[in-house]
């Protein structure tokens, strides 16, 4: 009985992907959908049938369109953190909330939103590059000091200290790439 109440409180319950797209395209058009969602099926030869086919195969794109439907077209308040972790079809809208008029969207607003997202992405990538120096950097020598220099014959020369040939053979047993270094 509790599941029945939950389904009634989800605006996506009983709405097929095709009818959802027909509503979105009828109100906004493919150009606005591509500008806000950046999904190629809304740009290259856009049609309802080809978009439905793509969205049925691609979970991330379908969820992106469903979230757009809920929070832009149905203009619902943002979901709580616990509801946000669920897929859009599993989210429950609280009793007092009802869908409102669709949000007014424009290409200029989409461009500003895209610039804002690009700026945030650039800031995150800059912050990701600032890691504490806890160990060797990538590309540092890792194999005990092998310098990769070549001797007069053109063969690679190992600069590790070895006193006799038996020590060199022991080193090659522990190093599986030793025969390739010569």
N, C-alpha and C. Protein backbone atom coordinates (compact mmCIF):
# COMPACT_ATOMS: atom_id res chain seq x y z
N UNK A 1 0.81 -1.18 0.00
CA UNK A 1 0.00 0.00 0.00
C UNK A 1 0.86 1.26 0.00
N UNK A 2 1.99 1.20 0.69
CA UNK A 2 2.87 2.35 0.77
C UNK A 2 3.50 2.66 -0.60
N UNK A 3 3.77 1.62 -1.42
CA UNK A 3 4.33 1.83 -2.75
C UNK A 3 3.35 2.60 -3.64
N UNK A 4 2.06 2.35 -3.46
CA UNK A 4 1.05 3.03 -4.26
C UNK A 4 1.09 4.54 -4.02
N UNK A 5 1.26 4.95 -2.78
CA UNK A 5 1.35 6.37 -2.44
C UNK A 5 2.60 6.97 -3.06
N UNK A 6 3.71 6.22 -2.98
CA UNK A 6 4.96 6.71 -3.54
C UNK A 6 4.85 6.95 -5.04
N UNK A 7 4.19 6.04 -5.77
CA UNK A 7 4.06 6.22 -7.20
C UNK A 7 3.18 7.42 -7.54
N UNK A 8 2.19 7.69 -6.74
CA UNK A 8 1.32 8.84 -7.00
C UNK A 8 2.06 10.15 -6.82
N UNK A 9 3.10 10.16 -6.00
CA UNK A 9 3.85 11.38 -5.72
C UNK A 9 5.06 11.55 -6.64
N UNK A 10 5.12 10.82 -7.72
CA UNK A 10 6.21 10.97 -8.68
C UNK A 10 5.63 11.43 -10.01
N UNK A 11 5.97 12.64 -10.47
CA UNK A 11 5.43 13.14 -11.74
C UNK A 11 5.82 12.31 -12.96
N UNK A 12 6.84 11.47 -12.84
CA UNK A 12 7.24 10.63 -13.96
C UNK A 12 6.50 9.30 -14.01
N UNK A 13 5.72 8.99 -12.97
CA UNK A 13 5.00 7.72 -12.93
C UNK A 13 3.94 7.70 -14.03
N UNK A 14 4.01 6.69 -14.88
CA UNK A 14 3.04 6.54 -15.95
C UNK A 14 3.34 7.39 -17.19
N UNK A 15 4.43 8.13 -17.18
CA UNK A 15 4.81 8.96 -18.32
C UNK A 15 5.89 8.22 -19.11
N UNK A 16 5.58 7.91 -20.36
CA UNK A 16 6.58 7.22 -21.19
C UNK A 16 7.63 8.22 -21.64
N UNK A 17 8.76 7.70 -22.03
CA UNK A 17 9.85 8.55 -22.49
C UNK A 17 9.44 9.33 -23.73
N UNK A 18 8.66 8.69 -24.60
CA UNK A 18 8.21 9.36 -25.83
C UNK A 18 7.28 10.52 -25.51
N UNK A 19 6.32 10.31 -24.61
CA UNK A 19 5.39 11.40 -24.27
C UNK A 19 6.12 12.52 -23.53
N UNK A 20 7.10 12.17 -22.72
CA UNK A 20 7.92 13.17 -22.04
C UNK A 20 8.64 14.04 -23.06
N UNK A 21 9.26 13.40 -24.08
CA UNK A 21 9.97 14.15 -25.12
C UNK A 21 9.03 14.99 -25.96
N UNK A 22 7.85 14.47 -26.26
CA UNK A 22 6.87 15.24 -27.05
C UNK A 22 6.51 16.52 -26.30
N UNK A 23 6.30 16.42 -25.00
CA UNK A 23 5.99 17.61 -24.20
C UNK A 23 7.15 18.60 -24.20
N UNK A 24 8.37 18.10 -23.98
CA UNK A 24 9.54 18.98 -23.92
C UNK A 24 9.80 19.66 -25.28
N UNK A 25 9.76 18.88 -26.35
CA UNK A 25 10.02 19.44 -27.68
C UNK A 25 8.90 20.39 -28.08
N UNK A 26 7.68 20.06 -27.73
CA UNK A 26 6.55 20.95 -28.04
C UNK A 26 6.67 22.29 -27.34
N UNK A 27 7.20 22.31 -26.14
CA UNK A 27 7.30 23.56 -25.39
C UNK A 27 8.60 24.31 -25.67
N UNK A 28 9.74 23.60 -25.68
CA UNK A 28 11.04 24.25 -25.81
C UNK A 28 11.65 24.12 -27.21
N UNK A 29 11.50 23.00 -27.86
CA UNK A 29 12.15 22.76 -29.14
C UNK A 29 13.49 22.09 -28.95
N UNK A 30 14.00 21.50 -30.04
CA UNK A 30 15.26 20.76 -29.97
C UNK A 30 16.45 21.67 -29.70
N UNK A 31 16.40 22.90 -30.21
CA UNK A 31 17.54 23.80 -30.05
C UNK A 31 17.79 24.15 -28.58
N UNK A 32 16.72 24.46 -27.85
CA UNK A 32 16.85 24.76 -26.41
C UNK A 32 17.29 23.51 -25.65
N UNK A 33 16.72 22.35 -26.00
CA UNK A 33 17.10 21.11 -25.31
C UNK A 33 18.59 20.83 -25.50
N UNK A 34 19.11 21.03 -26.71
CA UNK A 34 20.54 20.81 -26.92
C UNK A 34 21.36 21.84 -26.15
N UNK A 35 20.91 23.09 -26.15
CA UNK A 35 21.66 24.15 -25.47
C UNK A 35 21.78 23.89 -23.97
N UNK A 36 20.74 23.38 -23.36
CA UNK A 36 20.76 23.14 -21.91
C UNK A 36 21.33 21.78 -21.54
N UNK A 37 21.04 20.76 -22.33
CA UNK A 37 21.43 19.40 -21.94
C UNK A 37 22.71 18.92 -22.62
N UNK A 38 23.07 19.53 -23.75
CA UNK A 38 24.27 19.17 -24.49
C UNK A 38 24.31 17.67 -24.81
N UNK A 39 23.19 17.16 -25.33
CA UNK A 39 23.10 15.77 -25.77
C UNK A 39 22.95 15.82 -27.28
N UNK A 40 23.81 15.13 -27.98
CA UNK A 40 23.91 15.26 -29.43
C UNK A 40 22.65 14.83 -30.18
N UNK A 41 21.82 13.96 -29.61
CA UNK A 41 20.62 13.51 -30.31
C UNK A 41 19.63 14.66 -30.51
N UNK A 42 19.82 15.77 -29.80
CA UNK A 42 18.96 16.93 -29.98
C UNK A 42 19.53 17.91 -31.00
N UNK A 43 20.71 17.62 -31.52
CA UNK A 43 21.35 18.52 -32.48
C UNK A 43 21.45 17.90 -33.87
N UNK A 44 21.95 16.69 -33.96
CA UNK A 44 22.18 16.03 -35.23
C UNK A 44 20.93 15.25 -35.65
N UNK A 45 20.31 15.68 -36.73
CA UNK A 45 19.06 15.07 -37.22
C UNK A 45 18.07 14.80 -36.09
N UNK A 46 17.63 15.84 -35.40
CA UNK A 46 16.76 15.61 -34.26
C UNK A 46 15.35 15.17 -34.68
N UNK A 47 14.89 14.15 -34.01
CA UNK A 47 13.50 13.70 -34.15
C UNK A 47 13.13 12.99 -32.86
N UNK A 48 11.84 12.91 -32.63
CA UNK A 48 11.36 12.25 -31.40
C UNK A 48 11.80 10.79 -31.39
N UNK A 49 11.58 10.09 -32.50
CA UNK A 49 11.88 8.66 -32.54
C UNK A 49 13.37 8.37 -32.35
N UNK A 50 14.24 9.13 -33.02
CA UNK A 50 15.68 8.87 -32.87
C UNK A 50 16.14 9.24 -31.46
N UNK A 51 15.57 10.28 -30.89
CA UNK A 51 15.94 10.67 -29.52
C UNK A 51 15.50 9.61 -28.52
N UNK A 52 14.28 9.09 -28.69
CA UNK A 52 13.79 8.04 -27.80
C UNK A 52 14.68 6.81 -27.89
N UNK A 53 15.06 6.45 -29.11
CA UNK A 53 15.92 5.28 -29.31
C UNK A 53 17.25 5.45 -28.59
N UNK A 54 17.85 6.65 -28.73
CA UNK A 54 19.13 6.91 -28.06
C UNK A 54 18.97 6.93 -26.55
N UNK A 55 17.94 7.60 -26.06
CA UNK A 55 17.76 7.75 -24.61
C UNK A 55 17.43 6.42 -23.93
N UNK A 56 16.77 5.52 -24.64
CA UNK A 56 16.48 4.21 -24.06
C UNK A 56 17.76 3.39 -23.87
N UNK A 57 18.75 3.62 -24.74
CA UNK A 57 20.00 2.87 -24.66
C UNK A 57 21.00 3.51 -23.70
N UNK A 58 20.84 4.79 -23.41
CA UNK A 58 21.85 5.54 -22.67
C UNK A 58 21.27 6.05 -21.36
N UNK A 59 21.62 5.39 -20.27
CA UNK A 59 21.04 5.72 -18.96
C UNK A 59 21.36 7.15 -18.51
N UNK A 60 22.63 7.57 -18.65
CA UNK A 60 23.01 8.90 -18.16
C UNK A 60 22.24 9.99 -18.90
N UNK A 61 22.02 9.81 -20.20
CA UNK A 61 21.31 10.83 -20.98
C UNK A 61 19.83 10.83 -20.62
N UNK A 62 19.25 9.65 -20.42
CA UNK A 62 17.83 9.57 -20.05
C UNK A 62 17.60 10.24 -18.70
N UNK A 63 18.49 9.97 -17.74
CA UNK A 63 18.33 10.60 -16.42
C UNK A 63 18.49 12.11 -16.50
N UNK A 64 19.39 12.57 -17.36
CA UNK A 64 19.59 14.00 -17.54
C UNK A 64 18.31 14.66 -18.09
N UNK A 65 17.66 14.01 -19.05
CA UNK A 65 16.42 14.53 -19.63
C UNK A 65 15.29 14.47 -18.59
N UNK A 66 15.22 13.41 -17.81
CA UNK A 66 14.18 13.30 -16.79
C UNK A 66 14.34 14.35 -15.70
N UNK A 67 15.57 14.63 -15.30
CA UNK A 67 15.83 15.69 -14.31
C UNK A 67 15.42 17.04 -14.89
N UNK A 68 15.74 17.27 -16.16
CA UNK A 68 15.34 18.52 -16.83
C UNK A 68 13.82 18.63 -16.85
N UNK A 69 13.15 17.55 -17.14
CA UNK A 69 11.68 17.53 -17.17
C UNK A 69 11.10 17.88 -15.80
N UNK A 70 11.66 17.29 -14.75
CA UNK A 70 11.14 17.53 -13.40
C UNK A 70 11.38 18.95 -12.92
N UNK A 71 12.62 19.44 -13.11
CA UNK A 71 13.01 20.67 -12.44
C UNK A 71 12.99 21.91 -13.34
N UNK A 72 12.85 21.74 -14.64
CA UNK A 72 12.68 22.89 -15.53
C UNK A 72 11.27 22.94 -16.09
N UNK A 73 10.82 21.82 -16.68
CA UNK A 73 9.50 21.82 -17.30
C UNK A 73 8.38 21.78 -16.26
N UNK A 74 8.48 20.87 -15.31
CA UNK A 74 7.47 20.81 -14.24
C UNK A 74 7.75 21.83 -13.14
N UNK A 75 8.95 22.40 -13.15
CA UNK A 75 9.35 23.47 -12.25
C UNK A 75 9.15 23.12 -10.78
N UNK A 76 9.54 21.90 -10.43
CA UNK A 76 9.46 21.46 -9.04
C UNK A 76 10.64 22.02 -8.26
N UNK A 77 10.48 22.22 -6.94
CA UNK A 77 11.64 22.62 -6.12
C UNK A 77 12.69 21.51 -6.13
N UNK A 78 13.92 21.87 -5.95
CA UNK A 78 15.01 20.89 -5.96
C UNK A 78 14.79 19.81 -4.91
N UNK A 79 15.25 18.61 -5.25
CA UNK A 79 15.08 17.46 -4.36
C UNK A 79 16.02 17.57 -3.16
N UNK A 80 15.62 16.92 -2.08
CA UNK A 80 16.49 16.85 -0.91
C UNK A 80 17.70 15.99 -1.25
N UNK A 81 18.71 16.03 -0.41
CA UNK A 81 19.93 15.28 -0.69
C UNK A 81 19.68 13.77 -0.76
N UNK A 82 18.79 13.26 0.06
CA UNK A 82 18.49 11.82 0.01
C UNK A 82 17.73 11.46 -1.26
N UNK A 83 16.80 12.31 -1.68
CA UNK A 83 16.06 12.06 -2.91
C UNK A 83 16.95 12.26 -4.14
N UNK A 84 17.89 13.19 -4.05
CA UNK A 84 18.76 13.48 -5.18
C UNK A 84 19.65 12.29 -5.53
N UNK A 85 19.96 11.46 -4.56
CA UNK A 85 20.79 10.28 -4.81
C UNK A 85 20.05 9.21 -5.60
N UNK A 86 18.72 9.24 -5.60
CA UNK A 86 17.91 8.27 -6.34
C UNK A 86 17.79 8.69 -7.80
N UNK A 87 17.45 7.73 -8.65
CA UNK A 87 17.19 8.09 -10.05
C UNK A 87 15.90 8.90 -10.12
N UNK A 88 15.72 9.73 -11.15
CA UNK A 88 14.54 10.59 -11.21
C UNK A 88 13.21 9.83 -11.15
N UNK A 89 13.16 8.65 -11.70
CA UNK A 89 11.90 7.88 -11.68
C UNK A 89 11.60 7.31 -10.30
N UNK A 90 12.59 7.26 -9.41
CA UNK A 90 12.38 6.73 -8.07
C UNK A 90 12.16 7.82 -7.02
N UNK A 91 12.31 9.06 -7.40
CA UNK A 91 12.16 10.16 -6.44
C UNK A 91 10.71 10.39 -6.08
N UNK A 92 10.50 10.81 -4.84
CA UNK A 92 9.16 11.09 -4.33
C UNK A 92 9.05 12.58 -4.07
N UNK A 93 7.99 13.17 -4.57
CA UNK A 93 7.73 14.58 -4.33
C UNK A 93 6.90 14.69 -3.07
N UNK A 94 7.27 15.54 -2.12
CA UNK A 94 6.48 15.69 -0.89
C UNK A 94 5.04 16.10 -1.18
N UNK A 95 4.16 15.78 -0.25
CA UNK A 95 2.72 15.97 -0.43
C UNK A 95 2.32 17.39 -0.84
N UNK A 96 2.92 18.41 -0.24
CA UNK A 96 2.50 19.78 -0.51
C UNK A 96 2.99 20.36 -1.82
N UNK A 97 3.89 19.68 -2.50
CA UNK A 97 4.47 20.24 -3.72
C UNK A 97 3.73 19.72 -4.95
N UNK A 98 3.44 20.64 -5.85
CA UNK A 98 2.77 20.29 -7.09
C UNK A 98 3.51 20.93 -8.25
N UNK A 99 3.45 20.32 -9.43
CA UNK A 99 4.11 20.93 -10.59
C UNK A 99 3.55 22.32 -10.87
N UNK A 100 4.46 23.21 -11.33
CA UNK A 100 4.08 24.59 -11.65
C UNK A 100 4.26 24.83 -13.14
N UNK A 101 4.11 26.06 -13.55
CA UNK A 101 4.31 26.43 -14.95
C UNK A 101 5.76 26.16 -15.35
N UNK A 102 5.99 25.76 -16.60
CA UNK A 102 7.37 25.52 -17.05
C UNK A 102 8.22 26.77 -16.96
N UNK A 103 9.50 26.56 -16.67
CA UNK A 103 10.44 27.67 -16.58
C UNK A 103 10.66 28.26 -17.97
N UNK A 104 10.82 29.57 -18.02
CA UNK A 104 11.11 30.25 -19.28
C UNK A 104 12.62 30.16 -19.52
N UNK A 105 13.00 29.55 -20.63
CA UNK A 105 14.40 29.34 -20.94
C UNK A 105 14.73 30.01 -22.27
N UNK A 106 15.97 30.48 -22.40
CA UNK A 106 16.40 31.10 -23.65
C UNK A 106 17.80 30.63 -23.99
N UNK A 107 18.18 30.84 -25.24
CA UNK A 107 19.52 30.45 -25.67
C UNK A 107 20.60 31.28 -24.98
N UNK A 108 20.30 32.54 -24.68
CA UNK A 108 21.26 33.39 -23.98
C UNK A 108 21.51 32.87 -22.57
N UNK A 109 20.44 32.46 -21.89
CA UNK A 109 20.59 31.88 -20.55
C UNK A 109 21.40 30.58 -20.60
N UNK A 110 21.17 29.80 -21.64
CA UNK A 110 21.91 28.54 -21.80
C UNK A 110 23.39 28.83 -22.00
N UNK A 111 23.71 29.88 -22.77
CA UNK A 111 25.12 30.23 -22.99
C UNK A 111 25.77 30.69 -21.69
N UNK A 112 25.07 31.49 -20.91
CA UNK A 112 25.61 31.93 -19.61
C UNK A 112 25.82 30.74 -18.69
N UNK A 113 24.88 29.81 -18.68
CA UNK A 113 25.01 28.61 -17.85
C UNK A 113 26.20 27.77 -18.30
N UNK A 114 26.40 27.64 -19.61
CA UNK A 114 27.53 26.88 -20.13
C UNK A 114 28.86 27.52 -19.73
N UNK A 115 28.92 28.86 -19.80
CA UNK A 115 30.14 29.57 -19.39
C UNK A 115 30.41 29.38 -17.90
N UNK A 116 29.35 29.43 -17.10
CA UNK A 116 29.49 29.24 -15.66
C UNK A 116 30.01 27.83 -15.34
N UNK A 117 29.48 26.82 -16.04
CA UNK A 117 29.93 25.45 -15.83
C UNK A 117 31.38 25.28 -16.26
N UNK A 118 31.75 25.90 -17.38
CA UNK A 118 33.14 25.80 -17.86
C UNK A 118 34.09 26.44 -16.86
N UNK A 119 33.68 27.56 -16.27
CA UNK A 119 34.52 28.23 -15.28
C UNK A 119 34.71 27.36 -14.04
N UNK A 120 33.63 26.73 -13.57
CA UNK A 120 33.73 25.84 -12.41
C UNK A 120 34.62 24.65 -12.71
N UNK A 121 34.49 24.10 -13.92
CA UNK A 121 35.32 22.96 -14.31
C UNK A 121 36.79 23.35 -14.34
N UNK A 122 37.08 24.54 -14.86
CA UNK A 122 38.47 25.01 -14.90
C UNK A 122 39.03 25.19 -13.49
N UNK A 123 38.22 25.73 -12.58
CA UNK A 123 38.66 25.90 -11.19
C UNK A 123 38.92 24.55 -10.54
N UNK A 124 38.05 23.57 -10.78
CA UNK A 124 38.24 22.24 -10.20
C UNK A 124 39.50 21.58 -10.74
N UNK A 125 39.75 21.74 -12.04
CA UNK A 125 40.93 21.10 -12.60
C UNK A 125 42.21 21.78 -12.10
N UNK A 126 42.18 23.08 -11.85
CA UNK A 126 43.33 23.76 -11.25
C UNK A 126 43.58 23.27 -9.84
N UNK A 127 42.52 23.12 -9.07
CA UNK A 127 42.66 22.65 -7.69
C UNK A 127 43.10 21.19 -7.64
N UNK A 128 42.70 20.40 -8.62
CA UNK A 128 43.11 19.00 -8.65
C UNK A 128 44.60 18.87 -8.91
N UNK A 129 45.20 19.81 -9.63
CA UNK A 129 46.62 19.76 -9.93
C UNK A 129 47.49 20.12 -8.74
N UNK A 130 46.92 20.73 -7.71
CA UNK A 130 47.68 21.15 -6.53
C UNK A 130 47.64 20.06 -5.47
N UNK A 131 48.46 19.06 -5.66
CA UNK A 131 48.51 17.97 -4.70
C UNK A 131 49.80 18.07 -3.90
N UNK A 132 49.77 17.65 -2.65
CA UNK A 132 50.99 17.72 -1.85
C UNK A 132 52.06 16.79 -2.40
N UNK A 133 53.31 17.22 -2.26
CA UNK A 133 54.44 16.42 -2.75
C UNK A 133 54.74 15.32 -1.75
N UNK A 134 54.07 14.19 -1.91
CA UNK A 134 54.22 13.11 -0.95
C UNK A 134 55.20 12.05 -1.44
N UNK A 135 55.51 12.03 -2.71
CA UNK A 135 56.41 11.02 -3.21
C UNK A 135 57.04 11.48 -4.51
N UNK A 136 57.59 10.53 -5.24
CA UNK A 136 58.22 10.87 -6.50
C UNK A 136 57.16 11.28 -7.51
N UNK A 137 57.53 12.16 -8.40
CA UNK A 137 56.64 12.56 -9.47
C UNK A 137 56.62 11.46 -10.53
N UNK A 138 55.57 11.46 -11.30
CA UNK A 138 55.46 10.50 -12.40
C UNK A 138 56.61 10.71 -13.37
N UNK A 139 57.25 9.67 -13.79
CA UNK A 139 58.35 9.77 -14.73
C UNK A 139 59.71 9.77 -14.07
N UNK A 140 59.78 9.80 -12.75
CA UNK A 140 61.06 9.75 -12.05
C UNK A 140 61.63 8.34 -12.17
N UNK A 141 62.93 8.23 -11.95
CA UNK A 141 63.55 6.91 -12.06
C UNK A 141 63.00 6.00 -10.98
N UNK A 142 62.59 4.81 -11.39
CA UNK A 142 61.97 3.89 -10.44
C UNK A 142 62.71 2.58 -10.32
N UNK A 143 63.66 2.32 -11.18
CA UNK A 143 64.26 0.99 -11.20
C UNK A 143 65.66 0.96 -10.59
N UNK A 144 65.87 1.68 -9.51
CA UNK A 144 67.13 1.59 -8.79
C UNK A 144 68.26 2.37 -9.42
N UNK A 145 68.00 3.39 -10.16
CA UNK A 145 69.05 4.23 -10.68
C UNK A 145 69.46 3.93 -12.09
N UNK A 146 68.78 3.12 -12.82
CA UNK A 146 69.11 2.86 -14.21
C UNK A 146 68.94 4.15 -14.99
N UNK A 147 69.98 4.60 -15.65
CA UNK A 147 69.94 5.90 -16.31
C UNK A 147 69.54 5.82 -17.77
N UNK A 148 69.59 4.66 -18.39
CA UNK A 148 69.20 4.52 -19.77
C UNK A 148 70.26 5.00 -20.75
N UNK A 149 71.51 5.22 -20.29
CA UNK A 149 72.58 5.67 -21.17
C UNK A 149 73.06 4.51 -22.02
N UNK A 150 73.66 4.84 -23.13
CA UNK A 150 74.17 3.81 -24.03
C UNK A 150 75.70 3.83 -24.03
N UNK A 151 76.30 2.65 -24.23
CA UNK A 151 77.76 2.60 -24.34
C UNK A 151 78.16 2.85 -25.80
N UNK A 152 79.44 2.70 -26.10
CA UNK A 152 79.95 3.00 -27.44
C UNK A 152 79.34 2.13 -28.52
N UNK A 153 78.92 0.92 -28.20
CA UNK A 153 78.35 0.02 -29.21
C UNK A 153 76.89 0.35 -29.51
N UNK A 154 76.28 1.25 -28.77
CA UNK A 154 74.88 1.61 -29.00
C UNK A 154 73.92 0.86 -28.09
N UNK A 155 74.42 -0.13 -27.34
CA UNK A 155 73.56 -0.88 -26.43
C UNK A 155 73.36 -0.07 -25.16
N UNK A 156 72.24 -0.27 -24.53
CA UNK A 156 71.98 0.45 -23.29
C UNK A 156 72.95 -0.02 -22.22
N UNK A 157 73.37 0.90 -21.39
CA UNK A 157 74.36 0.62 -20.36
C UNK A 157 73.70 0.78 -19.00
N UNK A 158 73.90 -0.19 -18.12
CA UNK A 158 73.33 -0.15 -16.78
C UNK A 158 74.34 0.49 -15.85
N UNK A 159 73.99 1.60 -15.19
CA UNK A 159 74.91 2.30 -14.31
C UNK A 159 74.84 1.84 -12.87
N UNK A 160 74.05 0.79 -12.60
CA UNK A 160 73.99 0.29 -11.23
C UNK A 160 75.32 -0.39 -10.89
N UNK A 161 75.66 -0.30 -9.63
CA UNK A 161 76.93 -0.89 -9.20
C UNK A 161 76.81 -2.40 -9.16
N UNK A 162 77.74 -3.06 -9.86
CA UNK A 162 77.81 -4.51 -9.77
C UNK A 162 79.29 -4.88 -9.76
N UNK A 163 79.70 -5.70 -8.81
CA UNK A 163 81.10 -6.03 -8.63
C UNK A 163 81.53 -7.18 -9.51
N UNK A 164 80.64 -8.12 -9.78
CA UNK A 164 81.03 -9.23 -10.65
C UNK A 164 79.82 -9.66 -11.48
N UNK A 165 80.03 -10.58 -12.38
CA UNK A 165 78.98 -11.00 -13.30
C UNK A 165 77.88 -11.78 -12.58
N UNK A 166 78.23 -12.47 -11.47
CA UNK A 166 77.20 -13.22 -10.76
C UNK A 166 76.20 -12.27 -10.12
N UNK A 167 76.68 -11.13 -9.65
CA UNK A 167 75.77 -10.14 -9.07
C UNK A 167 74.86 -9.57 -10.14
N UNK A 168 75.38 -9.41 -11.35
CA UNK A 168 74.57 -8.88 -12.44
C UNK A 168 73.50 -9.89 -12.83
N UNK A 169 73.85 -11.18 -12.80
CA UNK A 169 72.84 -12.18 -13.16
C UNK A 169 71.77 -12.30 -12.10
N UNK A 170 72.15 -12.10 -10.82
CA UNK A 170 71.15 -12.11 -9.75
C UNK A 170 70.19 -10.94 -9.95
N UNK A 171 70.76 -9.78 -10.33
CA UNK A 171 69.92 -8.60 -10.58
C UNK A 171 68.96 -8.84 -11.72
N UNK A 172 69.41 -9.59 -12.74
CA UNK A 172 68.52 -9.82 -13.88
C UNK A 172 67.42 -10.81 -13.54
N UNK A 173 67.68 -11.71 -12.55
CA UNK A 173 66.64 -12.63 -12.13
C UNK A 173 65.52 -11.90 -11.40
N UNK A 174 65.89 -10.89 -10.64
CA UNK A 174 64.86 -10.16 -9.90
C UNK A 174 64.17 -9.11 -10.77
N UNK A 175 64.81 -8.76 -11.88
CA UNK A 175 64.24 -7.76 -12.78
C UNK A 175 63.77 -8.45 -14.06
N UNK A 176 62.47 -8.62 -14.25
CA UNK A 176 61.98 -9.35 -15.43
C UNK A 176 62.27 -8.62 -16.74
N UNK A 177 62.57 -7.36 -16.68
CA UNK A 177 62.85 -6.59 -17.92
C UNK A 177 64.36 -6.47 -18.20
N UNK A 178 65.19 -7.17 -17.42
CA UNK A 178 66.63 -7.02 -17.54
C UNK A 178 67.12 -7.39 -18.93
N UNK A 179 66.58 -8.44 -19.55
CA UNK A 179 67.06 -8.84 -20.86
C UNK A 179 66.71 -7.80 -21.93
N UNK A 180 65.71 -7.00 -21.69
CA UNK A 180 65.31 -5.97 -22.66
C UNK A 180 66.12 -4.71 -22.49
N UNK A 181 66.77 -4.54 -21.32
CA UNK A 181 67.55 -3.34 -21.05
C UNK A 181 68.91 -3.39 -21.71
N UNK A 182 69.38 -4.58 -22.07
CA UNK A 182 70.72 -4.73 -22.63
C UNK A 182 70.78 -4.29 -24.05
